Amino acid sequence: MLVIARCADTPQGGDIIKPRILSMRIVSGAARFWWGAAAGRSNVVVELELVDAATDATVRRKTLTSSNNPFGAVWTGGSSDKSLPWDMGRIMAAYVMAVNPKE
């Protein structure tokens, strides 16, 4: 598992963030062009695990999901499909900051 970041300034303290992508479906531009909304929705499912760096115990585990509206994706030319991974990164960062604020 990939360790993304530590949530504290000291190497001994804080939590380690371990993300795991459970599912990711991004509709291609060609499918969106030819099939429109019938191509379906794009979605991302990520499980975040926060582990205490000192004890190696799981502090928190949360599954975050995001998906777009297929009709909106047609209207925007597929831009909401392309931006979904970036949007999920912002959602994960906001969640980590909300549950583990810097002291």
PDB file of N, CA and C in Angstrom:
ATOM      1  N   MET A   1       0.842  -1.169   0.000  1.00  0.00           N
ATOM      2  CA  MET A   1       0.000   0.000   0.000  1.00  0.00           C
ATOM      3  C   MET A   1       0.889   1.235   0.000  1.00  0.00           C
ATOM      4  N   LEU A   2       0.483   2.244  -0.699  1.00  0.00           N
ATOM      5  CA  LEU A   2       1.246   3.473  -0.834  1.00  0.00           C
ATOM      6  C   LEU A   2       0.956   4.403   0.327  1.00  0.00           C
ATOM      7  N   VAL A   3       1.997   4.908   0.951  1.00  0.00           N
ATOM      8  CA  VAL A   3       1.838   5.890   2.011  1.00  0.00           C
ATOM      9  C   VAL A   3       1.925   7.257   1.362  1.00  0.00           C
ATOM     10  N   ILE A   4       0.855   8.018   1.433  1.00  0.00           N
ATOM     11  CA  ILE A   4       0.785   9.309   0.768  1.00  0.00           C
ATOM     12  C   ILE A   4       1.403  10.418   1.603  1.00  0.00           C
ATOM     13  N   ALA A   5       1.026  10.540   2.853  1.00  0.00           N
ATOM     14  CA  ALA A   5       1.481  11.688   3.634  1.00  0.00           C
ATOM     15  C   ALA A   5       1.377  11.396   5.120  1.00  0.00           C
ATOM     16  N   ARG A   6       2.054  12.208   5.871  1.00  0.00           N
ATOM     17  CA  ARG A   6       1.896  12.206   7.321  1.00  0.00           C
ATOM     18  C   ARG A   6       1.146  13.461   7.696  1.00  0.00           C
ATOM     19  N   CYS A   7       0.283  13.348   8.691  1.00  0.00           N
ATOM     20  CA  CYS A   7      -0.568  14.472   9.079  1.00  0.00           C
ATOM     21  C   CYS A   7       0.010  15.273  10.236  1.00  0.00           C
ATOM     22  N   ALA A   8       1.296  15.218  10.431  1.00  0.00           N
ATOM     23  CA  ALA A   8       1.928  16.028  11.475  1.00  0.00           C
ATOM     24  C   ALA A   8       3.330  16.401  11.009  1.00  0.00           C
ATOM     25  N   ASP A   9       3.921  17.399  11.647  1.00  0.00           N
ATOM     26  CA  ASP A   9       5.243  17.870  11.239  1.00  0.00           C
ATOM     27  C   ASP A   9       6.366  16.970  11.721  1.00  0.00           C
ATOM     28  N   THR A  10       6.129  16.233  12.791  1.00  0.00           N
ATOM     29  CA  THR A  10       7.185  15.383  13.326  1.00  0.00           C
ATOM     30  C   THR A  10       7.118  13.997  12.711  1.00  0.00           C
ATOM     31  N   PRO A  11       8.259  13.389  12.398  1.00  0.00           N
ATOM     32  CA  PRO A  11       8.225  12.063  11.796  1.00  0.00           C
ATOM     33  C   PRO A  11       7.721  10.978  12.741  1.00  0.00           C
ATOM     34  N   GLN A  12       7.798  11.194  14.059  1.00  0.00           N
ATOM     35  CA  GLN A  12       7.362  10.175  15.001  1.00  0.00           C
ATOM     36  C   GLN A  12       5.863  10.205  15.243  1.00  0.00           C
ATOM     37  N   GLY A  13       5.236  11.371  15.089  1.00  0.00           N
ATOM     38  CA  GLY A  13       3.830  11.495  15.443  1.00  0.00           C
ATOM     39  C   GLY A  13       2.940  11.616  14.230  1.00  0.00           C
ATOM     40  N   GLY A  14       1.672  11.703  14.497  1.00  0.00           N
ATOM     41  CA  GLY A  14       0.708  11.903  13.433  1.00  0.00           C
ATOM     42  C   GLY A  14       0.181  10.618  12.857  1.00  0.00           C
ATOM     43  N   ASP A  15      -0.573  10.769  11.789  1.00  0.00           N
ATOM     44  CA  ASP A  15      -1.189   9.634  11.117  1.00  0.00           C
ATOM     45  C   ASP A  15      -0.620   9.470   9.720  1.00  0.00           C
ATOM     46  N   ILE A  16      -0.606   8.248   9.256  1.00  0.00           N
ATOM     47  CA  ILE A  16      -0.201   7.931   7.894  1.00  0.00           C
ATOM     48  C   ILE A  16      -1.476   7.718   7.095  1.00  0.00           C
ATOM     49  N   ILE A  17      -1.562   8.324   5.927  1.00  0.00           N
ATOM     50  CA  ILE A  17      -2.744   8.197   5.082  1.00  0.00           C
ATOM     51  C   ILE A  17      -2.462   7.139   4.024  1.00  0.00           C
ATOM     52  N   LYS A  18      -3.307   6.120   3.994  1.00  0.00           N
ATOM     53  CA  LYS A  18      -3.150   5.041   3.016  1.00  0.00           C
ATOM     54  C   LYS A  18      -4.411   4.976   2.151  1.00  0.00           C
ATOM     55  N   PRO A  19      -4.357   5.545   0.945  1.00  0.00           N
ATOM     56  CA  PRO A  19      -5.522   5.463   0.065  1.00  0.00           C
ATOM     57  C   PRO A  19      -5.512   4.180  -0.754  1.00  0.00           C
ATOM     58  N   ARG A  20      -6.686   3.688  -1.070  1.00  0.00           N
ATOM     59  CA  ARG A  20      -6.827   2.504  -1.925  1.00  0.00           C
ATOM     60  C   ARG A  20      -7.986   2.766  -2.886  1.00  0.00           C
ATOM     61  N   ILE A  21      -7.715   2.742  -4.184  1.00  0.00           N
ATOM     62  CA  ILE A  21      -8.774   2.925  -5.173  1.00  0.00           C
ATOM     63  C   ILE A  21      -9.496   1.594  -5.330  1.00  0.00           C
ATOM     64  N   LEU A  22     -10.763   1.576  -4.965  1.00  0.00           N
ATOM     65  CA  LEU A  22     -11.562   0.359  -5.066  1.00  0.00           C
ATOM     66  C   LEU A  22     -12.194   0.226  -6.444  1.00  0.00           C
ATOM     67  N   SER A  23     -12.582   1.345  -7.024  1.00  0.00           N
ATOM     68  CA  SER A  23     -13.234   1.319  -8.326  1.00  0.00           C
ATOM     69  C   SER A  23     -13.056   2.681  -8.989  1.00  0.00           C
ATOM     70  N   MET A  24     -12.781   2.658 -10.289  1.00  0.00           N
ATOM     71  CA  MET A  24     -12.707   3.902 -11.036  1.00  0.00           C
ATOM     72  C   MET A  24     -13.171   3.636 -12.461  1.00  0.00           C
ATOM     73  N   ARG A  25     -14.169   4.373 -12.896  1.00  0.00           N
ATOM     74  CA  ARG A  25     -14.680   4.269 -14.258  1.00  0.00           C
ATOM     75  C   ARG A  25     -14.786   5.677 -14.804  1.00  0.00           C
ATOM     76  N   ILE A  26     -13.991   5.980 -15.823  1.00  0.00           N
ATOM     77  CA  ILE A  26     -14.021   7.274 -16.477  1.00  0.00           C
ATOM     78  C   ILE A  26     -14.454   7.045 -17.920  1.00  0.00           C
ATOM     79  N   VAL A  27     -15.574   7.619 -18.305  1.00  0.00           N
ATOM     80  CA  VAL A  27     -16.085   7.483 -19.666  1.00  0.00           C
ATOM     81  C   VAL A  27     -15.174   8.258 -20.610  1.00  0.00           C
ATOM     82  N   SER A  28     -14.775   7.635 -21.701  1.00  0.00           N
ATOM     83  CA  SER A  28     -13.875   8.285 -22.656  1.00  0.00           C
ATOM     84  C   SER A  28     -14.607   9.372 -23.434  1.00  0.00           C
ATOM     85  N   GLY A  29     -13.831  10.278 -23.993  1.00  0.00           N
ATOM     86  CA  GLY A  29     -14.411  11.344 -24.800  1.00  0.00           C
ATOM     87  C   GLY A  29     -15.141  10.811 -26.022  1.00  0.00           C
ATOM     88  N   ALA A  30     -14.592   9.761 -26.639  1.00  0.00           N
ATOM     89  CA  ALA A  30     -15.240   9.175 -27.817  1.00  0.00           C
ATOM     90  C   ALA A  30     -16.580   8.548 -27.444  1.00  0.00           C
ATOM     91  N   ALA A  31     -16.621   7.816 -26.338  1.00  0.00           N
ATOM     92  CA  ALA A  31     -17.881   7.212 -25.900  1.00  0.00           C
ATOM     93  C   ALA A  31     -18.891   8.295 -25.551  1.00  0.00           C
ATOM     94  N   ARG A  32     -18.441   9.356 -24.906  1.00  0.00           N
ATOM     95  CA  ARG A  32     -19.353  10.443 -24.546  1.00  0.00           C
ATOM     96  C   ARG A  32     -19.878  11.128 -25.811  1.00  0.00           C
ATOM     97  N   PHE A  33     -19.017  11.288 -26.824  1.00  0.00           N
ATOM     98  CA  PHE A  33     -19.432  11.926 -28.077  1.00  0.00           C
ATOM     99  C   PHE A  33     -20.465  11.077 -28.819  1.00  0.00           C
ATOM    100  N   TRP A  34     -20.169   9.782 -28.980  1.00  0.00           N
ATOM    101  CA  TRP A  34     -21.044   8.932 -29.777  1.00  0.00           C
ATOM    102  C   TRP A  34     -22.280   8.459 -29.026  1.00  0.00           C
ATOM    103  N   TRP A  35     -22.159   8.153 -27.772  1.00  0.00           N
ATOM    104  CA  TRP A  35     -23.274   7.591 -27.024  1.00  0.00           C
ATOM    105  C   TRP A  35     -23.966   8.598 -26.111  1.00  0.00           C
ATOM    106  N   GLY A  36     -23.300   9.694 -25.817  1.00  0.00           N
ATOM    107  CA  GLY A  36     -23.903  10.713 -24.963  1.00  0.00           C
ATOM    108  C   GLY A  36     -24.142  10.197 -23.553  1.00  0.00           C
ATOM    109  N   ALA A  37     -25.308  10.499 -23.015  1.00  0.00           N
ATOM    110  CA  ALA A  37     -25.634  10.082 -21.646  1.00  0.00           C
ATOM    111  C   ALA A  37     -25.780   8.576 -21.529  1.00  0.00           C
ATOM    112  N   ALA A  38     -26.036   7.904 -22.652  1.00  0.00           N
ATOM    113  CA  ALA A  38     -26.175   6.445 -22.628  1.00  0.00           C
ATOM    114  C   ALA A  38     -24.854   5.751 -22.324  1.00  0.00           C
ATOM    115  N   ALA A  39     -23.744   6.465 -22.413  1.00  0.00           N
ATOM    116  CA  ALA A  39     -22.439   5.889 -22.058  1.00  0.00           C
ATOM    117  C   ALA A  39     -22.327   5.674 -20.552  1.00  0.00           C
ATOM    118  N   GLY A  40     -23.224   6.263 -19.793  1.00  0.00           N
ATOM    119  CA  GLY A  40     -23.227   6.061 -18.347  1.00  0.00           C
ATOM    120  C   GLY A  40     -22.478   7.142 -17.595  1.00  0.00           C
ATOM    121  N   ARG A  41     -22.368   6.933 -16.324  1.00  0.00           N
ATOM    122  CA  ARG A  41     -21.701   7.924 -15.480  1.00  0.00           C
ATOM    123  C   ARG A  41     -20.286   7.487 -15.148  1.00  0.00           C
ATOM    124  N   SER A  42     -19.442   8.458 -14.939  1.00  0.00           N
ATOM    125  CA  SER A  42     -18.094   8.200 -14.445  1.00  0.00           C
ATOM    126  C   SER A  42     -18.160   8.198 -12.927  1.00  0.00           C
ATOM    127  N   ASN A  43     -17.348   7.342 -12.284  1.00  0.00           N
ATOM    128  CA  ASN A  43     -17.343   7.315 -10.826  1.00  0.00           C
ATOM    129  C   ASN A  43     -15.993   6.857 -10.297  1.00  0.00           C
ATOM    130  N   VAL A  44     -15.727   7.234  -9.066  1.00  0.00           N
ATOM    131  CA  VAL A  44     -14.509   6.853  -8.361  1.00  0.00           C
ATOM    132  C   VAL A  44     -14.901   6.456  -6.939  1.00  0.00           C
ATOM    133  N   VAL A  45     -14.368   5.328  -6.474  1.00  0.00           N
ATOM    134  CA  VAL A  45     -14.575   4.876  -5.098  1.00  0.00           C
ATOM    135  C   VAL A  45     -13.195   4.667  -4.475  1.00  0.00           C
ATOM    136  N   VAL A  46     -12.921   5.387  -3.397  1.00  0.00           N
ATOM    137  CA  VAL A  46     -11.612   5.334  -2.734  1.00  0.00           C
ATOM    138  C   VAL A  46     -11.817   5.027  -1.260  1.00  0.00           C
ATOM    139  N   GLU A  47     -11.000   4.132  -0.731  1.00  0.00           N
ATOM    140  CA  GLU A  47     -11.005   3.863   0.702  1.00  0.00           C
ATOM    141  C   GLU A  47      -9.771   4.513   1.309  1.00  0.00           C
ATOM    142  N   LEU A  48      -9.985   5.357   2.304  1.00  0.00           N
ATOM    143  CA  LEU A  48      -8.886   6.003   3.020  1.00  0.00           C
ATOM    144  C   LEU A  48      -8.722   5.325   4.369  1.00  0.00           C
ATOM    145  N   GLU A  49      -7.486   5.024   4.698  1.00  0.00           N
ATOM    146  CA  GLU A  49      -7.182   4.459   6.005  1.00  0.00           C
ATOM    147  C   GLU A  49      -6.166   5.368   6.672  1.00  0.00           C
ATOM    148  N   LEU A  50      -6.491   5.857   7.855  1.00  0.00           N
ATOM    149  CA  LEU A  50      -5.566   6.664   8.636  1.00  0.00           C
ATOM    150  C   LEU A  50      -4.986   5.777   9.725  1.00  0.00           C
ATOM    151  N   VAL A  51      -3.671   5.643   9.726  1.00  0.00           N
ATOM    152  CA  VAL A  51      -2.965   4.758  10.647  1.00  0.00           C
ATOM    153  C   VAL A  51      -2.086   5.599  11.559  1.00  0.00           C
ATOM    154  N   ASP A  52      -2.143   5.330  12.850  1.00  0.00           N
ATOM    155  CA  ASP A  52      -1.284   6.019  13.813  1.00  0.00           C
ATOM    156  C   ASP A  52       0.156   5.598  13.561  1.00  0.00           C
ATOM    157  N   ALA A  53       1.029   6.569  13.318  1.00  0.00           N
ATOM    158  CA  ALA A  53       2.417   6.273  12.979  1.00  0.00           C
ATOM    159  C   ALA A  53       3.174   5.637  14.144  1.00  0.00           C
ATOM    160  N   ALA A  54       2.814   5.994  15.360  1.00  0.00           N
ATOM    161  CA  ALA A  54       3.535   5.473  16.516  1.00  0.00           C
ATOM    162  C   ALA A  54       3.159   4.034  16.850  1.00  0.00           C
ATOM    163  N   THR A  55       1.862   3.706  16.776  1.00  0.00           N
ATOM    164  CA  THR A  55       1.405   2.372  17.194  1.00  0.00           C
ATOM    165  C   THR A  55       1.047   1.458  16.033  1.00  0.00           C
ATOM    166  N   ASP A  56       0.985   1.986  14.835  1.00  0.00           N
ATOM    167  CA  ASP A  56       0.602   1.238  13.630  1.00  0.00           C
ATOM    168  C   ASP A  56      -0.818   0.688  13.723  1.00  0.00           C
ATOM    169  N   ALA A  57      -1.663   1.361  14.502  1.00  0.00           N
ATOM    170  CA  ALA A  57      -3.063   0.963  14.641  1.00  0.00           C
ATOM    171  C   ALA A  57      -3.932   1.825  13.735  1.00  0.00           C
ATOM    172  N   THR A  58      -4.963   1.229  13.177  1.00  0.00           N
ATOM    173  CA  THR A  58      -5.878   1.978  12.317  1.00  0.00           C
ATOM    174  C   THR A  58      -6.716   2.911  13.167  1.00  0.00           C
ATOM    175  N   VAL A  59      -6.648   4.188  12.869  1.00  0.00           N
ATOM    176  CA  VAL A  59      -7.396   5.202  13.602  1.00  0.00           C
ATOM    177  C   VAL A  59      -8.768   5.397  12.974  1.00  0.00           C
ATOM    178  N   ARG A  60      -8.814   5.417  11.654  1.00  0.00           N
ATOM    179  CA  ARG A  60     -10.063   5.691  10.957  1.00  0.00           C
ATOM    180  C   ARG A  60     -10.003   5.064   9.576  1.00  0.00           C
ATOM    181  N   ARG A  61     -11.130   4.556   9.124  1.00  0.00           N
ATOM    182  CA  ARG A  61     -11.253   4.002   7.766  1.00  0.00           C
ATOM    183  C   ARG A  61     -12.560   4.531   7.180  1.00  0.00           C
ATOM    184  N   LYS A  62     -12.476   5.096   5.983  1.00  0.00           N
ATOM    185  CA  LYS A  62     -13.650   5.709   5.365  1.00  0.00           C
ATOM    186  C   LYS A  62     -13.635   5.445   3.866  1.00  0.00           C
ATOM    187  N   THR A  63     -14.793   5.110   3.310  1.00  0.00           N
ATOM    188  CA  THR A  63     -14.941   4.944   1.872  1.00  0.00           C
ATOM    189  C   THR A  63     -15.598   6.199   1.312  1.00  0.00           C
ATOM    190  N   LEU A  64     -14.927   6.831   0.362  1.00  0.00           N
ATOM    191  CA  LEU A  64     -15.434   8.041  -0.273  1.00  0.00           C
ATOM    192  C   LEU A  64     -15.783   7.727  -1.721  1.00  0.00           C
ATOM    193  N   THR A  65     -16.914   8.238  -2.177  1.00  0.00           N
ATOM    194  CA  THR A  65     -17.338   8.011  -3.559  1.00  0.00           C
ATOM    195  C   THR A  65     -17.703   9.340  -4.207  1.00  0.00           C
ATOM    196  N   SER A  66     -17.540   9.375  -5.510  1.00  0.00           N
ATOM    197  CA  SER A  66     -17.955  10.536  -6.285  1.00  0.00           C
ATOM    198  C   SER A  66     -18.338  10.061  -7.676  1.00  0.00           C
ATOM    199  N   SER A  67     -19.371  10.661  -8.210  1.00  0.00           N
ATOM    200  CA  SER A  67     -19.778  10.337  -9.574  1.00  0.00           C
ATOM    201  C   SER A  67     -20.380  11.581 -10.212  1.00  0.00           C
ATOM    202  N   ASN A  68     -20.480  11.563 -11.520  1.00  0.00           N
ATOM    203  CA  ASN A  68     -21.035  12.721 -12.205  1.00  0.00           C
ATOM    204  C   ASN A  68     -22.389  12.395 -12.811  1.00  0.00           C
ATOM    205  N   ASN A  69     -23.065  13.421 -13.248  1.00  0.00           N
ATOM    206  CA  ASN A  69     -24.343  13.277 -13.931  1.00  0.00           C
ATOM    207  C   ASN A  69     -24.057  13.078 -15.419  1.00  0.00           C
ATOM    208  N   PRO A  70     -24.494  11.974 -16.023  1.00  0.00           N
ATOM    209  CA  PRO A  70     -24.163  11.732 -17.427  1.00  0.00           C
ATOM    210  C   PRO A  70     -24.766  12.772 -18.371  1.00  0.00           C
ATOM    211  N   PHE A  71     -25.922  13.321 -18.039  1.00  0.00           N
ATOM    212  CA  PHE A  71     -26.507  14.361 -18.887  1.00  0.00           C
ATOM    213  C   PHE A  71     -25.710  15.661 -18.788  1.00  0.00           C
ATOM    214  N   GLY A  72     -25.242  15.969 -17.590  1.00  0.00           N
ATOM    215  CA  GLY A  72     -24.379  17.136 -17.420  1.00  0.00           C
ATOM    216  C   GLY A  72     -23.051  16.967 -18.136  1.00  0.00           C
ATOM    217  N   ALA A  73     -22.540  15.730 -18.147  1.00  0.00           N
ATOM    218  CA  ALA A  73     -21.276  15.463 -18.840  1.00  0.00           C
ATOM    219  C   ALA A  73     -21.420  15.676 -20.344  1.00  0.00           C
ATOM    220  N   VAL A  74     -22.575  15.308 -20.902  1.00  0.00           N
ATOM    221  CA  VAL A  74     -22.823  15.560 -22.324  1.00  0.00           C
ATOM    222  C   VAL A  74     -22.870  17.059 -22.576  1.00  0.00           C
ATOM    223  N   TRP A  75     -23.539  17.778 -21.719  1.00  0.00           N
ATOM    224  CA  TRP A  75     -23.700  19.218 -21.890  1.00  0.00           C
ATOM    225  C   TRP A  75     -22.359  19.948 -21.818  1.00  0.00           C
ATOM    226  N   THR A  76     -21.447  19.479 -20.982  1.00  0.00           N
ATOM    227  CA  THR A  76     -20.145  20.141 -20.831  1.00  0.00           C
ATOM    228  C   THR A  76     -19.078  19.544 -21.740  1.00  0.00           C
ATOM    229  N   GLY A  77     -19.459  18.646 -22.629  1.00  0.00           N
ATOM    230  CA  GLY A  77     -18.486  18.053 -23.549  1.00  0.00           C
ATOM    231  C   GLY A  77     -17.544  17.064 -22.887  1.00  0.00           C
ATOM    232  N   GLY A  78     -17.951  16.463 -21.800  1.00  0.00           N
ATOM    233  CA  GLY A  78     -17.135  15.462 -21.115  1.00  0.00           C
ATOM    234  C   GLY A  78     -16.141  16.024 -20.119  1.00  0.00           C
ATOM    235  N   SER A  79     -16.198  17.338 -19.851  1.00  0.00           N
ATOM    236  CA  SER A  79     -15.213  17.904 -18.918  1.00  0.00           C
ATOM    237  C   SER A  79     -15.402  17.397 -17.498  1.00  0.00           C
ATOM    238  N   SER A  80     -16.631  17.079 -17.103  1.00  0.00           N
ATOM    239  CA  SER A  80     -16.831  16.540 -15.743  1.00  0.00           C
ATOM    240  C   SER A  80     -16.313  15.107 -15.645  1.00  0.00           C
ATOM    241  N   ASP A  81     -16.234  14.392 -16.765  1.00  0.00           N
ATOM    242  CA  ASP A  81     -15.603  13.071 -16.759  1.00  0.00           C
ATOM    243  C   ASP A  81     -14.098  13.211 -16.532  1.00  0.00           C
ATOM    244  N   LYS A  82     -13.491  14.135 -17.243  1.00  0.00           N
ATOM    245  CA  LYS A  82     -12.033  14.320 -17.181  1.00  0.00           C
ATOM    246  C   LYS A  82     -11.575  14.871 -15.837  1.00  0.00           C
ATOM    247  N   SER A  83     -12.406  15.687 -15.195  1.00  0.00           N
ATOM    248  CA  SER A  83     -11.987  16.317 -13.937  1.00  0.00           C
ATOM    249  C   SER A  83     -12.300  15.473 -12.703  1.00  0.00           C
ATOM    250  N   LEU A  84     -12.938  14.334 -12.875  1.00  0.00           N
ATOM    251  CA  LEU A  84     -13.363  13.533 -11.716  1.00  0.00           C
ATOM    252  C   LEU A  84     -12.201  13.077 -10.829  1.00  0.00           C
ATOM    253  N   PRO A  85     -11.072  12.581 -11.367  1.00  0.00           N
ATOM    254  CA  PRO A  85      -9.964  12.211 -10.473  1.00  0.00           C
ATOM    255  C   PRO A  85      -9.424  13.404  -9.677  1.00  0.00           C
ATOM    256  N   TRP A  86      -9.324  14.561 -10.318  1.00  0.00           N
ATOM    257  CA  TRP A  86      -8.855  15.761  -9.630  1.00  0.00           C
ATOM    258  C   TRP A  86      -9.840  16.163  -8.541  1.00  0.00           C
ATOM    259  N   ASP A  87     -11.131  16.091  -8.854  1.00  0.00           N
ATOM    260  CA  ASP A  87     -12.158  16.412  -7.863  1.00  0.00           C
ATOM    261  C   ASP A  87     -12.094  15.462  -6.669  1.00  0.00           C
ATOM    262  N   MET A  88     -11.847  14.174  -6.934  1.00  0.00           N
ATOM    263  CA  MET A  88     -11.755  13.200  -5.840  1.00  0.00           C
ATOM    264  C   MET A  88     -10.543  13.509  -4.958  1.00  0.00           C
ATOM    265  N   GLY A  89      -9.461  13.969  -5.532  1.00  0.00           N
ATOM    266  CA  GLY A  89      -8.306  14.372  -4.732  1.00  0.00           C
ATOM    267  C   GLY A  89      -8.655  15.504  -3.781  1.00  0.00           C
ATOM    268  N   ARG A  90      -9.416  16.463  -4.257  1.00  0.00           N
ATOM    269  CA  ARG A  90      -9.846  17.568  -3.397  1.00  0.00           C
ATOM    270  C   ARG A  90     -10.791  17.079  -2.302  1.00  0.00           C
ATOM    271  N   ILE A  91     -11.664  16.134  -2.630  1.00  0.00           N
ATOM    272  CA  ILE A  91     -12.583  15.570  -1.633  1.00  0.00           C
ATOM    273  C   ILE A  91     -11.798  14.836  -0.550  1.00  0.00           C
ATOM    274  N   MET A  92     -10.788  14.048  -0.956  1.00  0.00           N
ATOM    275  CA  MET A  92      -9.976  13.320   0.032  1.00  0.00           C
ATOM    276  C   MET A  92      -9.217  14.289   0.929  1.00  0.00           C
ATOM    277  N   ALA A  93      -8.647  15.333   0.354  1.00  0.00           N
ATOM    278  CA  ALA A  93      -7.904  16.311   1.149  1.00  0.00           C
ATOM    279  C   ALA A  93      -8.818  17.017   2.139  1.00  0.00           C
ATOM    280  N   ALA A  94     -10.013  17.394   1.700  1.00  0.00           N
ATOM    281  CA  ALA A  94     -10.962  18.053   2.596  1.00  0.00           C
ATOM    282  C   ALA A  94     -11.387  17.126   3.734  1.00  0.00           C
ATOM    283  N   TYR A  95     -11.580  15.846   3.426  1.00  0.00           N
ATOM    284  CA  TYR A  95     -11.966  14.888   4.459  1.00  0.00           C
ATOM    285  C   TYR A  95     -10.848  14.722   5.495  1.00  0.00           C
ATOM    286  N   VAL A  96      -9.618  14.544   5.021  1.00  0.00           N
ATOM    287  CA  VAL A  96      -8.501  14.362   5.956  1.00  0.00           C
ATOM    288  C   VAL A  96      -8.319  15.592   6.835  1.00  0.00           C
ATOM    289  N   MET A  97      -8.443  16.785   6.264  1.00  0.00           N
ATOM    290  CA  MET A  97      -8.304  18.003   7.066  1.00  0.00           C
ATOM    291  C   MET A  97      -9.456  18.163   8.062  1.00  0.00           C
ATOM    292  N   ALA A  98     -10.637  17.659   7.712  1.00  0.00           N
ATOM    293  CA  ALA A  98     -11.781  17.782   8.619  1.00  0.00           C
ATOM    294  C   ALA A  98     -11.675  16.843   9.811  1.00  0.00           C
ATOM    295  N   VAL A  99     -11.194  15.627   9.583  1.00  0.00           N
ATOM    296  CA  VAL A  99     -11.151  14.661  10.681  1.00  0.00           C
ATOM    297  C   VAL A  99      -9.825  14.668  11.434  1.00  0.00           C
ATOM    298  N   ASN A 100      -8.807  15.280  10.860  1.00  0.00           N
ATOM    299  CA  ASN A 100      -7.490  15.294  11.484  1.00  0.00           C
ATOM    300  C   ASN A 100      -6.850  16.669  11.314  1.00  0.00           C
ATOM    301  N   PRO A 101      -7.406  17.694  11.962  1.00  0.00           N
ATOM    302  CA  PRO A 101      -6.865  19.032  11.779  1.00  0.00           C
ATOM    303  C   PRO A 101      -5.462  19.164  12.370  1.00  0.00           C
ATOM    304  N   LYS A 102      -4.671  20.020  11.768  1.00  0.00           N
ATOM    305  CA  LYS A 102      -3.312  20.248  12.256  1.00  0.00           C
ATOM    306  C   LYS A 102      -3.377  20.974  13.595  1.00  0.00           C
ATOM    307  N   GLU A 103      -2.546  20.546  14.495  1.00  0.00           N
ATOM    308  CA  GLU A 103      -2.569  21.120  15.854  1.00  0.00           C
ATOM    309  C   GLU A 103      -1.792  22.386  15.914  1.00  0.00           C
TER     310      GLU A 103
END
